[in-house]
Amino acid sequence: MTKQTKDLVWMLVSLAAGFAVSRLTPTPPLTQEGLAVLGVFLSSLMMWITISIDWPSLITLFLLGLLPHFGFPAVFRGAFGNVTVAFLLFTFVLVYPLSKTFFVRRCAVAFVTNRFARKGPWYFVSFLLFSVTFMGLFISPSVLFVAFMPFLEDIYEVLQIKKKSPTGNMLMLGTAFCISLSSGMTAIGHVWPTLAIGYYKAATGVDVNQFQYMAVGIPTGLVLVLSLIAVFRWVYRPSDLAQMDLKKAMELKALVPKTSRREVMILAVMALTVILWVGPSLLRGVTPALYKSLSRYTTAMPPLLGCILLFILRENGEPLLSFQEAVSKGILWAAILMTGAATMLGSALTNQEMGIKEWLSAMLGPVAASLPVEGIILFFFAWCILE
């Protein structure tokens, strides 16, 4: 029996033992949920001893989050300090396997080799920039940029574009701009939107879910991408763009191998996570009670479940994701540390005893009182840009 098979057997045995304990009849003062906690403790102990102390710990968090008395918000706060840090941590791990597949190349090739992209140079440029924008919706910008650069080099070579030519510079700049823009269009694995949503909830008490954010972020981002393309075409106007040999664009397909089973499994886990993120928001107007119940799981639960699946599922005897590799290469620790520091800084700035809120209100109150609502919005836009 291989180690992978043994791990799977021990995981099932451990979970079964914990479930069996949770179904026993409690003796007062022990409660039924107390038995469930003992069951989680037994399952965790067995997995730590027989499998490992790393990824089985995620199962412990997941099981505790399902208990009504604790819930996922309390579990994430207890384990990581707050839900935002947990969300980013699990999302970085979740999207890392995509960079190890040919998904980025495959997606880009699908965009730039369709018959519309080959109608002319500007069609090709537009589809190329929209391809990185699409992938940037759910892939960390730094990961996407590193993964996309080799393919951009291949595009230069196949279409005979010189790196430092006007067209080469435009494609490089456009790629960087679009990846940056896309990281603000959704909060999936992106630091700044996640922080902004957290601050908004802390300030107003109103929670903004993934669907609500994307309903504004994606259209706004698309308008900005179209504006960027317009600037390139009518302001920058690269003189050598017409020299691009689009007849060779189909040769780019040869640079991408057939889709592997491993890649399909990784994409399926990612798709499930996105559905769990967005799905509850679609139920808000249909079944408010179910939406409220699912919202208690927080945005960090879906990537937690996705990470667990990536560690459990095997292909050719190997897990879809190695815990050691994910922790050392997949997590942007600088972003995690900055998020924790920024969250604490925000808490300090809004602390009632510091007097900062009252001081700003007194200073900006006269300015805000003399402006219409639209003017106040523009004022705060300008304030944020200035900062």
Protein backbone atom coordinates (compact mmCIF):
# COMPACT_ATOMS: atom_id res chain seq x y z
CA MET A 1 0.00 0.00 0.00
CA THR A 2 1.45 3.38 -1.04
CA LYS A 3 1.77 6.32 1.36
CA GLN A 4 -0.93 8.20 -0.56
CA THR A 5 -3.38 5.33 -0.11
CA LYS A 6 -2.50 5.01 3.57
CA ASP A 7 -3.08 8.73 4.09
CA LEU A 8 -6.48 8.53 2.42
CA VAL A 9 -7.48 5.49 4.52
CA TRP A 10 -6.35 7.13 7.76
CA MET A 11 -8.19 10.35 6.88
CA LEU A 12 -11.45 8.44 6.30
CA VAL A 13 -10.95 6.39 9.49
CA SER A 14 -10.19 9.54 11.51
CA LEU A 15 -13.24 11.39 10.20
CA ALA A 16 -15.45 8.35 10.79
CA ALA A 17 -14.20 8.04 14.39
CA GLY A 18 -14.87 11.71 15.06
CA PHE A 19 -18.33 11.49 13.50
CA ALA A 20 -19.14 8.44 15.63
CA VAL A 21 -18.19 10.34 18.81
CA SER A 22 -20.34 13.33 17.81
CA ARG A 23 -23.42 11.08 17.45
CA LEU A 24 -23.20 9.67 20.98
CA THR A 25 -25.72 10.67 23.65
CA PRO A 26 -24.17 13.34 25.91
CA THR A 27 -24.17 13.13 29.69
CA PRO A 28 -24.86 16.51 31.37
CA PRO A 29 -23.19 18.95 31.69
CA LEU A 30 -21.66 17.77 28.37
CA THR A 31 -23.70 19.04 25.41
CA GLN A 32 -24.25 17.54 21.98
CA GLU A 33 -22.06 20.23 20.43
CA GLY A 34 -19.46 19.50 23.10
CA LEU A 35 -19.41 15.92 21.85
CA ALA A 36 -18.93 17.27 18.32
CA VAL A 37 -15.90 19.25 19.52
CA LEU A 38 -14.52 16.07 21.12
CA GLY A 39 -15.12 14.31 17.80
CA VAL A 40 -13.14 17.01 15.95
CA PHE A 41 -10.40 16.69 18.56
CA LEU A 42 -10.21 12.92 18.06
CA SER A 43 -10.20 13.20 14.26
CA SER A 44 -7.52 15.91 14.34
CA LEU A 45 -5.32 13.96 16.76
CA MET A 46 -5.53 10.81 14.64
CA MET A 47 -4.70 12.69 11.41
CA TRP A 48 -1.82 14.59 13.01
CA ILE A 49 -0.31 11.34 14.27
CA THR A 50 -0.90 9.16 11.18
CA ILE A 51 -0.74 11.63 8.24
CA SER A 52 0.88 14.98 8.94
CA ILE A 53 0.53 18.14 11.01
CA ASP A 54 0.23 20.49 7.99
CA TRP A 55 -2.76 20.22 5.63
CA PRO A 56 -4.92 18.05 7.97
CA SER A 57 -5.02 21.13 10.21
CA LEU A 58 -7.16 22.79 7.52
CA ILE A 59 -9.73 20.01 7.98
CA THR A 60 -9.76 20.83 11.70
CA LEU A 61 -10.59 24.47 10.94
CA PHE A 62 -13.26 23.44 8.45
CA LEU A 63 -14.98 21.06 10.89
CA LEU A 64 -14.92 23.63 13.71
CA GLY A 65 -16.36 26.25 11.36
CA LEU A 66 -19.38 24.01 10.72
CA LEU A 67 -20.30 24.03 14.42
CA PRO A 68 -23.08 26.58 15.14
CA HIS A 69 -21.56 27.83 18.38
CA PHE A 70 -18.33 28.90 16.67
CA GLY A 71 -18.94 29.36 12.96
CA PHE A 72 -16.32 30.28 10.38
CA PRO A 73 -15.90 33.97 11.42
CA ALA A 74 -14.95 33.02 14.99
CA VAL A 75 -12.71 30.17 13.79
CA PHE A 76 -10.82 32.41 11.36
CA ARG A 77 -10.45 35.18 13.94
CA GLY A 78 -9.18 32.71 16.50
CA ALA A 79 -6.70 31.07 14.11
CA PHE A 80 -5.53 34.00 11.94
CA GLY A 81 -6.60 37.18 13.70
CA ASN A 82 -9.32 38.09 11.17
CA VAL A 83 -11.24 36.73 8.21
CA THR A 84 -9.39 38.90 5.66
CA VAL A 85 -5.99 37.39 6.41
CA ALA A 86 -7.49 33.88 6.26
CA PHE A 87 -9.19 34.68 2.93
CA LEU A 88 -5.99 35.90 1.30
CA LEU A 89 -3.92 33.06 2.72
CA PHE A 90 -6.21 30.34 1.37
CA THR A 91 -6.79 32.11 -1.94
CA PHE A 92 -3.05 32.45 -2.63
CA VAL A 93 -2.66 28.72 -2.03
CA LEU A 94 -5.72 27.93 -4.16
CA VAL A 95 -4.62 29.81 -7.28
CA TYR A 96 -0.95 28.77 -7.08
CA PRO A 97 -1.47 25.41 -8.91
CA LEU A 98 -2.82 27.32 -11.93
CA SER A 99 0.64 28.82 -12.43
CA LYS A 100 2.07 25.29 -12.56
CA THR A 101 -0.20 24.29 -15.46
CA PHE A 102 -0.51 25.53 -19.03
CA PHE A 103 -3.81 27.27 -18.21
CA VAL A 104 -2.42 30.78 -18.70
CA ARG A 105 -1.00 29.94 -22.14
CA ARG A 106 -4.06 27.93 -23.10
CA CYS A 107 -6.43 30.75 -22.18
CA ALA A 108 -4.34 33.38 -23.98
CA VAL A 109 -4.05 31.23 -27.12
CA ALA A 110 -7.84 30.74 -27.16
CA PHE A 111 -8.28 34.53 -27.13
CA VAL A 112 -5.69 35.49 -29.77
CA THR A 113 -6.20 32.68 -32.31
CA ASN A 114 -9.93 33.00 -32.87
CA ARG A 115 -11.05 34.32 -36.25
CA PHE A 116 -11.96 37.78 -34.92
CA ALA A 117 -8.53 38.31 -33.33
CA ARG A 118 -6.91 37.52 -36.70
CA LYS A 119 -8.93 40.13 -38.62
CA GLY A 120 -6.31 42.81 -38.01
CA PRO A 121 -3.49 43.99 -35.73
CA TRP A 122 -5.72 46.02 -33.42
CA TYR A 123 -8.12 43.10 -33.08
CA PHE A 124 -5.18 40.94 -32.03
CA VAL A 125 -3.91 43.50 -29.52
CA SER A 126 -7.39 43.94 -28.04
CA PHE A 127 -7.98 40.21 -27.60
CA LEU A 128 -4.50 39.77 -26.09
CA LEU A 129 -5.15 42.48 -23.49
CA PHE A 130 -8.61 41.13 -22.72
CA SER A 131 -7.12 37.66 -22.20
CA VAL A 132 -4.85 38.83 -19.38
CA THR A 133 -7.70 40.94 -17.99
CA PHE A 134 -9.92 37.85 -17.84
CA MET A 135 -7.27 35.72 -16.13
CA GLY A 136 -6.48 38.55 -13.73
CA LEU A 137 -10.00 38.35 -12.34
CA PHE A 138 -9.07 35.29 -10.29
CA ILE A 139 -5.26 35.01 -10.40
CA SER A 140 -2.90 37.05 -8.26
CA PRO A 141 -1.35 39.85 -10.40
CA SER A 142 2.25 38.97 -9.53
CA VAL A 143 1.67 35.26 -10.26
CA LEU A 144 -0.09 36.07 -13.54
CA PHE A 145 2.60 38.49 -14.70
CA VAL A 146 5.39 35.99 -14.07
CA ALA A 147 3.41 33.17 -15.75
CA PHE A 148 2.41 35.29 -18.77
CA MET A 149 5.79 36.82 -19.59
CA PRO A 150 7.25 33.65 -21.22
CA PHE A 151 4.20 33.43 -23.48
CA LEU A 152 4.56 37.10 -24.43
CA GLU A 153 8.16 36.33 -25.40
CA ASP A 154 6.83 33.54 -27.64
CA ILE A 155 4.39 35.97 -29.25
CA TYR A 156 7.27 38.32 -30.05
CA GLU A 157 9.20 35.49 -31.67
CA VAL A 158 6.34 33.93 -33.65
CA LEU A 159 4.88 37.21 -34.93
CA GLN A 160 8.34 38.72 -35.47
CA ILE A 161 7.92 41.61 -33.03
CA LYS A 162 11.06 43.23 -31.65
CA LYS A 163 11.09 43.56 -27.86
CA LYS A 164 11.96 47.25 -27.65
CA SER A 165 10.02 48.29 -30.73
CA PRO A 166 6.94 50.55 -30.35
CA THR A 167 4.64 47.51 -30.70
CA GLY A 168 6.72 45.42 -28.31
CA ASN A 169 6.67 48.19 -25.70
CA MET A 170 2.92 48.64 -26.16
CA LEU A 171 2.21 44.94 -25.57
CA MET A 172 4.42 44.88 -22.49
CA LEU A 173 2.90 48.04 -21.00
CA GLY A 174 -0.62 46.99 -21.94
CA THR A 175 -0.14 43.61 -20.26
CA ALA A 176 1.11 45.24 -17.06
CA PHE A 177 -1.70 47.82 -17.04
CA CYS A 178 -4.45 45.27 -17.70
CA ILE A 179 -3.17 42.86 -15.04
CA SER A 180 -3.16 45.74 -12.55
CA LEU A 181 -6.66 46.83 -13.56
CA SER A 182 -8.04 43.30 -13.34
CA SER A 183 -6.77 42.95 -9.76
CA GLY A 184 -9.25 45.65 -8.78
CA MET A 185 -12.20 44.16 -10.67
CA THR A 186 -12.76 41.28 -8.23
CA ALA A 187 -11.70 40.48 -4.67
CA ILE A 188 -10.63 36.92 -5.56
CA GLY A 189 -7.05 36.64 -4.35
CA HIS A 190 -6.51 40.41 -4.57
CA VAL A 191 -5.31 42.39 -1.57
CA TRP A 192 -6.65 45.89 -2.20
CA PRO A 193 -10.32 45.06 -2.93
CA THR A 194 -10.35 42.69 0.04
CA LEU A 195 -9.01 45.42 2.33
CA ALA A 196 -11.46 47.96 0.90
CA ILE A 197 -14.45 45.67 1.50
CA GLY A 198 -13.24 45.01 5.04
CA TYR A 199 -12.84 48.72 5.78
CA TYR A 200 -16.25 49.53 4.33
CA LYS A 201 -17.91 46.89 6.50
CA ALA A 202 -16.07 48.13 9.59
CA ALA A 203 -17.08 51.73 8.89
CA THR A 204 -20.71 51.23 7.87
CA GLY A 205 -21.68 47.80 9.19
CA VAL A 206 -22.80 46.88 5.65
CA ASP A 207 -21.27 43.75 4.12
CA VAL A 208 -20.41 43.78 0.40
CA ASN A 209 -20.42 40.28 -1.06
CA GLN A 210 -18.38 39.05 -4.01
CA PHE A 211 -21.21 39.40 -6.54
CA GLN A 212 -22.02 42.97 -5.50
CA TYR A 213 -18.39 44.01 -5.78
CA MET A 214 -17.94 42.35 -9.19
CA ALA A 215 -21.17 43.90 -10.48
CA VAL A 216 -19.45 47.29 -10.17
CA GLY A 217 -15.78 46.33 -10.47
CA ILE A 218 -15.92 44.34 -13.72
CA PRO A 219 -17.86 46.89 -15.84
CA THR A 220 -15.66 49.70 -14.52
CA GLY A 221 -12.53 47.73 -15.32
CA LEU A 222 -13.72 46.92 -18.83
CA VAL A 223 -14.35 50.60 -19.52
CA LEU A 224 -10.81 51.38 -18.37
CA VAL A 225 -9.32 48.62 -20.55
CA LEU A 226 -11.22 49.94 -23.58
CA SER A 227 -9.96 53.44 -22.75
CA LEU A 228 -6.40 52.09 -22.59
CA ILE A 229 -6.76 50.47 -26.02
CA ALA A 230 -8.15 53.75 -27.38
CA VAL A 231 -5.11 55.64 -26.05
CA PHE A 232 -2.78 53.10 -27.65
CA ARG A 233 -4.55 53.33 -30.98
CA TRP A 234 -5.16 57.06 -31.37
CA VAL A 235 -2.49 58.62 -29.13
CA TYR A 236 0.47 56.21 -28.92
CA ARG A 237 -0.03 54.82 -32.48
CA PRO A 238 2.91 52.38 -32.84
CA SER A 239 4.45 52.86 -36.28
CA ASP A 240 5.46 49.22 -36.76
CA LEU A 241 2.16 47.56 -35.83
CA ALA A 242 1.31 46.78 -39.45
CA GLN A 243 4.45 44.63 -39.68
CA MET A 244 2.92 42.06 -37.31
CA ASP A 245 2.54 38.80 -39.23
CA LEU A 246 -0.90 37.57 -38.10
CA LYS A 247 -0.77 34.66 -40.56
CA LYS A 248 1.58 32.97 -38.11
CA ALA A 249 -0.73 33.48 -35.12
CA MET A 250 -2.06 29.93 -35.44
CA GLU A 251 1.47 28.65 -34.77
CA LEU A 252 0.97 29.72 -31.15
CA LYS A 253 -1.35 26.73 -30.68
CA ALA A 254 1.62 24.42 -31.11
CA LEU A 255 3.16 25.91 -27.96
CA VAL A 256 0.38 24.52 -25.77
CA PRO A 257 0.09 20.77 -25.06
CA LYS A 258 -3.20 18.92 -24.69
CA THR A 259 -5.16 19.54 -21.50
CA SER A 260 -4.07 17.09 -18.82
CA ARG A 261 -6.34 15.41 -16.31
CA ARG A 262 -4.46 17.19 -13.54
CA GLU A 263 -5.22 20.59 -15.06
CA VAL A 264 -8.91 19.71 -15.42
CA MET A 265 -9.08 18.69 -11.76
CA ILE A 266 -7.41 21.91 -10.62
CA LEU A 267 -9.77 24.01 -12.76
CA ALA A 268 -12.77 22.07 -11.39
CA VAL A 269 -11.74 22.87 -7.81
CA MET A 270 -11.26 26.52 -8.76
CA ALA A 271 -14.68 26.60 -10.46
CA LEU A 272 -16.34 25.10 -7.39
CA THR A 273 -14.74 27.78 -5.22
CA VAL A 274 -15.97 30.59 -7.48
CA ILE A 275 -19.50 29.11 -7.46
CA LEU A 276 -19.45 29.02 -3.65
CA TRP A 277 -18.28 32.64 -3.65
CA VAL A 278 -20.84 34.01 -6.07
CA GLY A 279 -23.72 31.52 -5.74
CA PRO A 280 -25.10 32.67 -2.36
CA SER A 281 -25.34 36.26 -3.63
CA LEU A 282 -27.68 35.12 -6.42
CA LEU A 283 -30.02 33.63 -3.81
CA ARG A 284 -30.42 36.86 -1.87
CA GLY A 285 -33.62 37.94 -3.57
CA VAL A 286 -34.98 34.40 -4.02
CA THR A 287 -34.48 32.80 -0.61
CA PRO A 288 -33.25 35.42 1.89
CA ALA A 289 -33.18 32.89 4.74
CA LEU A 290 -30.84 30.55 2.83
CA TYR A 291 -28.69 33.49 1.75
CA LYS A 292 -28.35 34.63 5.37
CA SER A 293 -27.44 31.11 6.46
CA LEU A 294 -24.78 30.70 3.75
CA SER A 295 -23.36 34.18 4.36
CA ARG A 296 -22.30 33.09 7.84
CA TYR A 297 -19.61 30.93 6.23
CA THR A 298 -17.70 34.10 5.14
CA THR A 299 -15.66 34.49 1.94
CA ALA A 300 -12.76 32.53 3.44
CA MET A 301 -14.64 29.22 3.65
CA PRO A 302 -14.75 28.43 -0.13
CA PRO A 303 -10.96 28.76 -0.64
CA LEU A 304 -10.40 26.77 2.57
CA LEU A 305 -12.50 23.95 1.13
CA GLY A 306 -10.71 24.30 -2.22
CA CYS A 307 -7.30 24.00 -0.55
CA ILE A 308 -8.40 20.87 1.31
CA LEU A 309 -9.54 19.30 -1.97
CA LEU A 310 -6.24 20.16 -3.68
CA PHE A 311 -4.30 18.48 -0.87
CA ILE A 312 -6.57 15.40 -0.85
CA LEU A 313 -7.13 14.74 -4.57
CA ARG A 314 -4.46 12.70 -6.33
CA GLU A 315 -3.25 12.31 -9.89
CA ASN A 316 -0.81 9.48 -10.61
CA GLY A 317 -0.36 8.99 -6.89
CA GLU A 318 0.68 12.60 -6.27
CA PRO A 319 -1.50 15.28 -4.62
CA LEU A 320 -2.66 18.11 -6.87
CA LEU A 321 -0.80 20.47 -4.56
CA SER A 322 2.18 19.98 -2.27
CA PHE A 323 1.73 21.73 1.06
CA GLN A 324 5.42 22.56 1.41
CA GLU A 325 5.59 24.03 -2.09
CA ALA A 326 2.38 26.01 -1.68
CA VAL A 327 3.55 27.57 1.58
CA SER A 328 7.05 28.40 0.34
CA LYS A 329 6.20 29.55 -3.21
CA GLY A 330 2.46 30.16 -3.46
CA ILE A 331 1.78 32.56 -0.59
CA LEU A 332 2.73 36.21 -0.97
CA TRP A 333 3.78 36.67 2.63
CA ALA A 334 4.53 40.36 2.12
CA ALA A 335 0.88 40.93 1.16
CA ILE A 336 -0.31 38.90 4.16
CA LEU A 337 1.88 40.92 6.55
CA MET A 338 0.80 44.19 4.96
CA THR A 339 -2.86 43.20 5.25
CA GLY A 340 -2.47 42.39 8.94
CA ALA A 341 -0.59 45.65 9.55
CA ALA A 342 -3.06 47.72 7.52
CA THR A 343 -6.02 46.16 9.33
CA MET A 344 -4.52 47.01 12.71
CA LEU A 345 -3.58 50.48 11.46
CA GLY A 346 -7.16 51.05 10.33
CA SER A 347 -8.42 49.94 13.73
CA ALA A 348 -6.03 52.38 15.40
CA LEU A 349 -7.04 55.27 13.13
CA THR A 350 -10.75 54.74 13.83
CA ASN A 351 -10.33 54.12 17.56
CA GLN A 352 -12.73 56.41 19.43
CA GLU A 353 -10.16 57.31 22.09
CA MET A 354 -7.63 58.59 19.54
CA GLY A 355 -9.89 61.48 18.49
CA ILE A 356 -8.85 61.21 14.83
CA LYS A 357 -12.39 60.67 13.53
CA GLU A 358 -13.71 63.75 15.35
CA TRP A 359 -10.72 65.82 14.22
CA LEU A 360 -11.26 64.89 10.55
CA SER A 361 -15.00 65.51 10.86
CA ALA A 362 -14.40 68.98 12.26
CA MET A 363 -11.82 69.78 9.58
CA LEU A 364 -13.67 68.38 6.56
CA GLY A 365 -17.21 69.12 7.73
CA PRO A 366 -17.35 72.68 6.34
CA VAL A 367 -15.99 71.47 2.98
CA ALA A 368 -18.48 68.59 2.73
CA ALA A 369 -21.42 70.77 3.77
CA SER A 370 -20.88 73.11 0.83
CA LEU A 371 -20.77 70.34 -1.78
CA PRO A 372 -23.54 68.29 -3.44
CA VAL A 373 -23.48 64.50 -3.10
CA GLU A 374 -21.62 64.08 -6.40
CA GLY A 375 -19.07 66.66 -5.29
CA ILE A 376 -18.46 64.82 -2.01
CA ILE A 377 -17.85 61.59 -3.92
CA LEU A 378 -15.37 63.30 -6.26
CA PHE A 379 -13.71 64.96 -3.27
CA PHE A 380 -13.06 61.62 -1.60
CA PHE A 381 -11.85 60.13 -4.91
CA ALA A 382 -9.32 62.97 -5.15
CA TRP A 383 -8.38 62.47 -1.48
CA CYS A 384 -7.69 58.75 -2.02
CA ILE A 385 -5.66 59.40 -5.19
CA LEU A 386 -3.64 62.06 -3.35
CA GLU A 387 -2.89 59.58 -0.52
